[in-house]
Amino acid sequence: MEQLLINLVAGALGGNAAGKASSSFDLGTLGNTIAGLVGGGVLGQLVPIVLPARAAISVSAVSCRT
């Protein structure tokens, strides 16, 4: 639960920072916050699932070559 909250807060901050850094992608403060919350929440849950699988694939590919 704590990790999800951290992902949401970091996503909201990142969304606002990205919106301010690039005016063409600025959705306004509320839009940037919502986009960041969604991105932080979704990616925060998917990345830990995908990365271990990717690491296992690369280790398996290396061990097959030797």
Foldseek 3Di string as FASTA:
>chain_A
DVLLVVLLVVLQVVLVVVCVVDVVPNPDNVVSSVRSNVVSNVCSVVVVVPVVVVVVVVVVVVVVVD
